[in-house]
Amino acid sequence: MSGPKVAIFGLDPFTVLLAAAAIRAGQAVAESHARASDYAAASEIAHQSNTSRQIAAGHEAIVARDAAVAAAEARFAELLELANGLGLADPVRATRLDRPHSDDPALKLAYISGLESLVRDLEALLLGEVARRKQAQVDEEEVDQLPESLTQEARSQTLGERLVARISHLGEIPADIASLAKELDSSLPGERRDLLASELRRRIQMHIDETVADEVRKATATVLDQSLKDLGYEVEPISQTLFVEGGVVHFRGAGWGDYMVRLRIDAKGSAANFNVVRAVDGANAERSVLDHLAEDRWCAEFPKLLATLAQRGVKMQVTRHLAAGELPVQLVDRGKLPRFADEDDESSVTRLQERAIK
């Protein structure tokens, strides 16, 4: 089963979005660590200075960092409370970043960056889940279930405003929904008002479903990219629209030489096609005995990728697989494939090996 493979993928919306949120938080931490030298230099300058102004500025920076940490942790705790009410506390708690034990400014700033990124994503995700689970009518009992900071305005809102508030976290309110909400709130109680409320709920639910589906597909690209990198592959840049519009992405492992895996996504059909390809020069398109070995190597690694993706909400069911050699490895002109960092050195070694075997 080491030849080309076709899989149908299914997405668990909440798990995919939560995984993408955790990935972005980790990336924020990494980006902050990349700037650590600048922070360290600034800290050293402040430490060496004896002026009262610079010492005071250093204290102010410490206070500001501690305040930012406290604020982000408090917001995470509040969102965890909301998640607990939704029965989602465990997966949300698992995304929390470890607070650094050191008072090193760079570590604290990285922690703040990651936690603030996580909190922003979690707030949108959990509020979206609240909106999705809402029943047909918003009443005072439902409002009371939310954290105090999220309900201060809701208590004084009209029905139209409360219904529209379900999608406020999704950005700009669509014009037709805003207009319908105003018409609802200006109508007198009666059959017409009930019909308007039902139609508003229907449109709001459609907007939620469409927006969430789009966000999930974009988040899936993030999950795929990070999953491949976590498994040690080099990956060409993946477009956020890969699972929206479909497309092709290539990745390879260390020491693969001219070989890589081509992944083609059919977004409409929810299908993924994996096959090993070999980069060749126009005048050198001969078959190689190494093709079979490349396919076997990919076959051995493929289950680990499936398991990693499944943990993050992307479940793939293999529907077609071919044995090694059943179809020849696809030969692709080198100029039409992405270039990877160590490709040149590995390619020369691979070509020497091929000549030796022949």
Protein backbone atom coordinates (compact mmCIF):
# COMPACT_ATOMS: atom_id res chain seq x y z
CA MET A 1 0.00 0.00 0.00
CA SER A 2 2.80 2.41 -0.78
CA GLY A 3 1.58 3.87 -4.04
CA PRO A 4 -0.80 6.81 -4.61
CA LYS A 5 -3.54 7.24 -2.01
CA VAL A 6 -6.92 8.97 -2.08
CA ALA A 7 -8.73 9.92 1.12
CA ILE A 8 -12.04 11.57 1.93
CA PHE A 9 -11.65 14.07 4.75
CA GLY A 10 -14.17 15.12 7.35
CA LEU A 11 -13.74 18.11 9.64
CA ASP A 12 -14.70 18.44 13.31
CA PRO A 13 -15.31 22.22 13.36
CA PHE A 14 -14.65 22.94 17.04
CA THR A 15 -11.58 20.69 17.25
CA VAL A 16 -10.07 22.14 14.07
CA LEU A 17 -10.65 25.73 15.19
CA LEU A 18 -9.29 25.01 18.67
CA ALA A 19 -6.20 23.31 17.22
CA ALA A 20 -5.59 26.27 14.90
CA ALA A 21 -5.92 28.65 17.86
CA ALA A 22 -3.31 26.68 19.81
CA ILE A 23 -1.01 26.64 16.78
CA ARG A 24 -1.28 30.40 16.30
CA ALA A 25 -0.54 30.92 20.00
CA GLY A 26 2.58 28.81 19.66
CA GLN A 27 3.61 30.78 16.60
CA ALA A 28 3.14 34.04 18.51
CA VAL A 29 5.44 32.72 21.23
CA ALA A 30 8.04 31.67 18.66
CA GLU A 31 7.92 35.04 16.91
CA SER A 32 8.39 36.79 20.23
CA HIS A 33 11.35 34.55 21.07
CA ALA A 34 12.85 35.48 17.70
CA ARG A 35 12.92 39.08 18.92
CA ALA A 36 14.44 38.05 22.25
CA SER A 37 17.86 39.48 21.43
CA ASP A 38 16.37 42.95 21.08
CA TYR A 39 14.61 42.65 24.42
CA ALA A 40 17.76 41.29 26.05
CA ALA A 41 19.81 44.15 24.67
CA ALA A 42 17.32 46.71 25.93
CA SER A 43 17.26 45.04 29.33
CA GLU A 44 21.06 45.08 29.53
CA ILE A 45 21.16 48.77 28.68
CA ALA A 46 18.62 49.55 31.37
CA HIS A 47 20.53 47.42 33.88
CA GLN A 48 23.80 49.20 33.21
CA SER A 49 22.25 52.63 33.46
CA ASN A 50 22.36 54.51 36.74
CA THR A 51 19.96 57.31 35.89
CA SER A 52 16.78 57.46 37.95
CA ARG A 53 14.69 58.00 34.79
CA GLN A 54 15.89 54.77 33.17
CA ILE A 55 15.51 52.83 36.41
CA ALA A 56 11.95 54.13 36.73
CA ALA A 57 11.23 53.17 33.11
CA GLY A 58 12.50 49.68 33.86
CA HIS A 59 10.14 49.38 36.83
CA GLU A 60 7.25 50.65 34.74
CA ALA A 61 7.98 48.03 32.10
CA ILE A 62 7.95 45.29 34.74
CA VAL A 63 4.64 46.53 36.14
CA ALA A 64 3.15 46.72 32.65
CA ARG A 65 4.25 43.18 31.82
CA ASP A 66 2.84 41.81 35.07
CA ALA A 67 -0.44 43.64 34.44
CA ALA A 68 -0.63 42.23 30.93
CA VAL A 69 0.00 38.71 32.25
CA ALA A 70 -2.69 39.10 34.91
CA ALA A 71 -5.20 40.47 32.41
CA ALA A 72 -4.62 37.71 29.86
CA GLU A 73 -4.75 34.98 32.51
CA ALA A 74 -7.94 36.42 33.99
CA ARG A 75 -9.56 36.49 30.56
CA PHE A 76 -8.47 32.90 29.92
CA ALA A 77 -10.01 31.87 33.27
CA GLU A 78 -13.27 33.58 32.32
CA LEU A 79 -13.34 31.87 28.94
CA LEU A 80 -12.57 28.55 30.63
CA GLU A 81 -15.62 29.13 32.82
CA LEU A 82 -17.70 29.70 29.70
CA ALA A 83 -16.22 26.56 28.12
CA ASN A 84 -17.10 24.59 31.24
CA GLY A 85 -20.74 25.62 30.85
CA LEU A 86 -20.61 24.29 27.31
CA GLY A 87 -19.00 21.01 28.35
CA LEU A 88 -15.76 21.97 26.59
CA ALA A 89 -13.50 22.77 29.53
CA ASP A 90 -11.02 19.92 29.02
CA PRO A 91 -10.01 20.65 25.40
CA VAL A 92 -9.89 24.39 26.09
CA ARG A 93 -7.82 23.91 29.25
CA ALA A 94 -5.37 21.80 27.25
CA THR A 95 -4.52 24.79 25.05
CA ARG A 96 -3.26 26.92 27.91
CA LEU A 97 0.37 27.96 27.65
CA ASP A 98 2.80 27.21 30.47
CA ARG A 99 3.66 30.32 32.42
CA PRO A 100 7.43 30.88 32.51
CA HIS A 101 9.04 30.28 35.91
CA SER A 102 11.69 32.88 35.18
CA ASP A 103 11.20 36.65 35.38
CA ASP A 104 13.22 37.04 32.20
CA PRO A 105 11.54 39.87 30.22
CA ALA A 106 11.84 38.05 26.91
CA LEU A 107 10.13 34.94 28.28
CA LYS A 108 7.33 36.97 29.81
CA LEU A 109 6.76 38.95 26.64
CA ALA A 110 6.64 35.73 24.62
CA TYR A 111 4.15 34.29 27.10
CA ILE A 112 1.98 37.40 26.88
CA SER A 113 2.05 37.36 23.07
CA GLY A 114 1.01 33.73 22.93
CA LEU A 115 -1.66 33.98 25.61
CA GLU A 116 -3.21 37.12 24.14
CA SER A 117 -3.36 35.43 20.72
CA LEU A 118 -4.98 32.37 22.30
CA VAL A 119 -7.50 34.44 24.23
CA ARG A 120 -8.58 36.34 21.11
CA ASP A 121 -9.17 33.12 19.21
CA LEU A 122 -10.87 31.38 22.12
CA GLU A 123 -13.25 34.27 22.66
CA ALA A 124 -14.39 34.19 19.04
CA LEU A 125 -14.60 30.40 19.06
CA LEU A 126 -16.55 30.07 22.31
CA LEU A 127 -18.92 32.93 21.57
CA GLY A 128 -19.54 31.28 18.22
CA GLU A 129 -20.31 28.01 19.99
CA VAL A 130 -22.71 29.82 22.34
CA ALA A 131 -24.47 31.34 19.33
CA ARG A 132 -24.65 28.00 17.57
CA ARG A 133 -26.28 26.34 20.55
CA LYS A 134 -28.81 29.05 21.18
CA GLN A 135 -32.39 27.98 21.09
CA ALA A 136 -35.00 29.79 19.03
CA GLN A 137 -35.54 32.49 21.64
CA VAL A 138 -33.19 34.47 23.83
CA ASP A 139 -34.62 35.08 27.29
CA GLU A 140 -33.33 36.38 30.59
CA GLU A 141 -32.48 32.89 31.84
CA GLU A 142 -30.15 32.32 28.87
CA VAL A 143 -28.56 35.72 29.35
CA ASP A 144 -27.87 34.94 33.01
CA GLN A 145 -25.85 31.88 32.02
CA LEU A 146 -23.12 33.98 30.43
CA PRO A 147 -20.23 35.60 32.32
CA GLU A 148 -21.06 39.05 33.72
CA SER A 149 -18.64 40.86 31.38
CA LEU A 150 -20.46 39.43 28.37
CA THR A 151 -24.01 40.29 29.48
CA GLN A 152 -23.98 43.92 30.64
CA GLU A 153 -25.35 45.20 27.34
CA ALA A 154 -27.52 42.15 26.65
CA ARG A 155 -29.79 42.86 29.63
CA SER A 156 -31.09 46.09 28.12
CA GLN A 157 -31.26 44.99 24.48
CA THR A 158 -34.36 44.53 22.35
CA LEU A 159 -35.12 41.13 20.83
CA GLY A 160 -33.66 42.18 17.49
CA GLU A 161 -30.51 43.48 19.15
CA ARG A 162 -30.10 40.32 21.23
CA LEU A 163 -30.50 38.11 18.20
CA VAL A 164 -28.03 40.15 16.16
CA ALA A 165 -25.61 40.10 19.12
CA ARG A 166 -25.20 36.37 18.43
CA ILE A 167 -23.07 37.23 15.40
CA SER A 168 -21.36 40.41 16.63
CA HIS A 169 -18.13 38.43 17.10
CA LEU A 170 -18.14 37.52 13.42
CA GLY A 171 -17.45 41.06 12.27
CA GLU A 172 -19.64 43.39 10.24
CA ILE A 173 -23.34 42.58 10.41
CA PRO A 174 -24.80 41.80 6.96
CA ALA A 175 -27.05 44.59 5.71
CA ASP A 176 -30.10 42.36 5.25
CA ILE A 177 -29.83 41.08 8.83
CA ALA A 178 -29.37 44.55 10.31
CA SER A 179 -32.36 45.86 8.33
CA LEU A 180 -34.55 42.95 9.36
CA ALA A 181 -33.62 43.42 13.04
CA LYS A 182 -34.67 47.08 12.91
CA GLU A 183 -37.94 46.14 11.25
CA LEU A 184 -38.56 43.54 13.96
CA ASP A 185 -37.95 46.01 16.79
CA SER A 186 -40.26 48.61 15.24
CA SER A 187 -43.12 46.13 14.85
CA LEU A 188 -45.96 45.73 17.32
CA PRO A 189 -46.55 42.36 19.01
CA GLY A 190 -48.51 39.99 16.85
CA GLU A 191 -48.27 37.46 14.05
CA ARG A 192 -46.18 39.69 11.77
CA ARG A 193 -43.64 40.33 14.49
CA ASP A 194 -43.36 36.61 15.21
CA LEU A 195 -42.77 35.92 11.51
CA LEU A 196 -40.09 38.60 11.36
CA ALA A 197 -38.37 37.11 14.43
CA SER A 198 -38.41 33.63 12.87
CA GLU A 199 -36.95 34.92 9.62
CA LEU A 200 -34.26 36.86 11.47
CA ARG A 201 -33.27 33.75 13.42
CA ARG A 202 -33.11 31.75 10.18
CA ARG A 203 -30.85 34.28 8.46
CA ILE A 204 -28.63 34.59 11.52
CA GLN A 205 -28.21 30.82 11.69
CA MET A 206 -27.36 30.67 7.98
CA HIS A 207 -24.76 33.42 8.47
CA ILE A 208 -23.25 31.56 11.43
CA ASP A 209 -23.10 28.28 9.51
CA GLU A 210 -21.52 29.86 6.42
CA THR A 211 -18.99 31.90 8.38
CA VAL A 212 -17.95 29.04 10.64
CA ALA A 213 -17.61 26.68 7.67
CA ASP A 214 -15.33 29.18 5.96
CA GLU A 215 -13.23 29.67 9.10
CA VAL A 216 -12.94 25.92 9.60
CA ARG A 217 -11.68 25.40 6.05
CA LYS A 218 -9.09 28.15 6.53
CA ALA A 219 -8.07 26.75 9.91
CA THR A 220 -7.62 23.33 8.32
CA ALA A 221 -4.82 24.74 6.16
CA THR A 222 -3.09 25.94 9.34
CA VAL A 223 -3.55 22.52 10.95
CA LEU A 224 -2.17 20.69 7.91
CA ASP A 225 0.87 22.97 7.66
CA GLN A 226 1.79 22.65 11.34
CA SER A 227 1.09 18.91 11.44
CA LEU A 228 3.49 18.30 8.56
CA LYS A 229 6.14 20.48 10.18
CA ASP A 230 5.68 18.75 13.55
CA LEU A 231 6.43 15.46 11.79
CA GLY A 232 9.67 16.89 10.42
CA TYR A 233 8.66 17.67 6.84
CA GLU A 234 9.64 20.70 4.84
CA VAL A 235 6.47 22.22 3.42
CA GLU A 236 5.97 24.72 0.65
CA PRO A 237 3.80 27.72 1.70
CA ILE A 238 0.18 26.60 2.10
CA SER A 239 -2.55 29.00 1.04
CA GLN A 240 -5.37 29.63 3.51
CA THR A 241 -7.72 28.87 0.62
CA LEU A 242 -6.38 25.33 0.07
CA PHE A 243 -9.50 23.75 1.61
CA VAL A 244 -11.78 26.48 0.26
CA GLU A 245 -10.83 26.52 -3.40
CA GLY A 246 -8.67 23.39 -3.59
CA GLY A 247 -5.11 23.25 -4.84
CA VAL A 248 -1.77 21.48 -4.59
CA VAL A 249 0.96 21.49 -1.95
CA HIS A 250 4.29 19.64 -1.85
CA PHE A 251 6.30 18.46 1.16
CA ARG A 252 9.37 16.35 1.75
CA GLY A 253 11.42 14.79 4.50
CA ALA A 254 15.11 15.27 5.23
CA GLY A 255 17.29 13.19 2.96
CA TRP A 256 14.61 12.65 0.34
CA GLY A 257 16.73 14.05 -2.47
CA ASP A 258 14.64 14.57 -5.61
CA TYR A 259 11.53 12.99 -4.11
CA MET A 260 8.59 14.71 -2.48
CA VAL A 261 4.91 14.08 -1.85
CA ARG A 262 2.32 15.97 -3.85
CA LEU A 263 -0.97 16.54 -2.02
CA ARG A 264 -3.88 17.62 -4.17
CA ILE A 265 -7.00 18.88 -2.40
CA ASP A 266 -10.42 18.74 -4.02
CA ALA A 267 -12.35 21.11 -1.75
CA LYS A 268 -15.76 20.48 -3.31
CA GLY A 269 -15.41 16.73 -3.10
CA SER A 270 -13.66 16.80 0.30
CA ALA A 271 -10.96 14.58 -1.16
CA ALA A 272 -7.19 14.46 -0.71
CA ASN A 273 -4.86 12.73 -3.15
CA PHE A 274 -1.30 11.86 -2.05
CA ASN A 275 1.36 10.65 -4.47
CA VAL A 276 5.15 10.54 -4.57
CA VAL A 277 6.77 12.60 -7.32
CA ARG A 278 10.38 12.91 -8.46
CA ALA A 279 11.98 16.08 -9.76
CA VAL A 280 13.77 15.51 -13.05
CA ASP A 281 15.64 17.62 -15.54
CA GLY A 282 14.15 17.81 -19.01
CA ALA A 283 16.84 15.65 -20.59
CA ASN A 284 17.02 13.14 -17.74
CA ALA A 285 13.62 11.51 -17.25
CA GLU A 286 14.74 7.94 -16.74
CA ARG A 287 13.11 5.61 -14.25
CA SER A 288 15.06 4.82 -11.09
CA VAL A 289 15.17 1.79 -8.82
CA LEU A 290 14.95 4.29 -5.96
CA ASP A 291 11.35 5.11 -6.91
CA HIS A 292 10.08 1.96 -5.22
CA LEU A 293 12.05 2.76 -2.04
CA ALA A 294 10.66 6.31 -1.97
CA GLU A 295 7.10 4.99 -2.15
CA ASP A 296 7.73 2.44 0.61
CA ARG A 297 9.23 5.14 2.83
CA TRP A 298 6.15 7.33 2.37
CA CYS A 299 3.88 4.37 3.04
CA ALA A 300 5.56 3.80 6.43
CA GLU A 301 5.14 7.46 7.41
CA PHE A 302 1.61 8.02 6.12
CA PRO A 303 -0.29 6.54 9.13
CA LYS A 304 1.48 8.91 11.51
CA LEU A 305 0.27 11.91 9.49
CA LEU A 306 -3.30 10.56 9.52
CA ALA A 307 -3.17 10.13 13.31
CA THR A 308 -1.75 13.62 13.86
CA LEU A 309 -4.42 15.22 11.69
CA ALA A 310 -7.19 13.22 13.36
CA GLN A 311 -6.14 14.50 16.79
CA ARG A 312 -6.60 18.02 15.44
CA GLY A 313 -10.02 17.42 13.96
CA VAL A 314 -9.10 16.50 10.37
CA LYS A 315 -10.16 12.89 9.88
CA MET A 316 -9.17 11.19 6.64
CA GLN A 317 -10.60 7.91 5.45
CA VAL A 318 -8.47 6.24 2.78
CA THR A 319 -10.68 5.12 -0.09
CA ARG A 320 -8.05 4.07 -2.61
CA HIS A 321 -4.46 2.92 -2.35
CA LEU A 322 -2.15 1.29 -4.83
CA ALA A 323 0.84 -0.98 -4.24
CA ALA A 324 4.37 0.26 -4.89
CA GLY A 325 5.16 0.09 -8.58
CA GLU A 326 1.53 -0.43 -9.59
CA LEU A 327 1.76 3.02 -11.10
CA PRO A 328 5.14 4.60 -11.85
CA VAL A 329 6.29 7.48 -9.68
CA GLN A 330 5.26 10.69 -11.38
CA LEU A 331 8.20 12.50 -12.95
CA VAL A 332 7.89 16.28 -12.84
CA ASP A 333 10.12 18.90 -14.41
CA ARG A 334 12.26 20.37 -11.64
CA GLY A 335 11.38 23.91 -12.63
CA LYS A 336 7.70 23.26 -11.90
CA LEU A 337 8.30 22.13 -8.33
CA PRO A 338 9.08 24.15 -5.20
CA ARG A 339 12.69 24.47 -4.07
CA PHE A 340 13.59 23.43 -0.54
CA ALA A 341 16.50 24.59 1.58
CA ASP A 342 18.78 21.55 1.33
CA GLU A 343 17.52 20.23 -2.00
CA ASP A 344 20.62 20.99 -4.05
CA ASP A 345 22.99 19.01 -1.82
CA GLU A 346 20.61 16.06 -1.51
CA SER A 347 19.85 15.98 -5.22
CA SER A 348 23.52 15.63 -6.11
CA VAL A 349 23.88 12.75 -3.63
CA THR A 350 20.78 11.04 -5.03
CA ARG A 351 22.05 11.28 -8.61
CA LEU A 352 25.39 9.76 -7.55
CA GLN A 353 23.55 6.90 -5.85
CA GLU A 354 21.45 6.27 -8.95
CA ARG A 355 24.54 6.05 -11.14
CA ALA A 356 26.21 3.68 -8.69
CA ILE A 357 23.17 1.35 -8.64
CA LYS A 358 22.87 1.33 -12.41
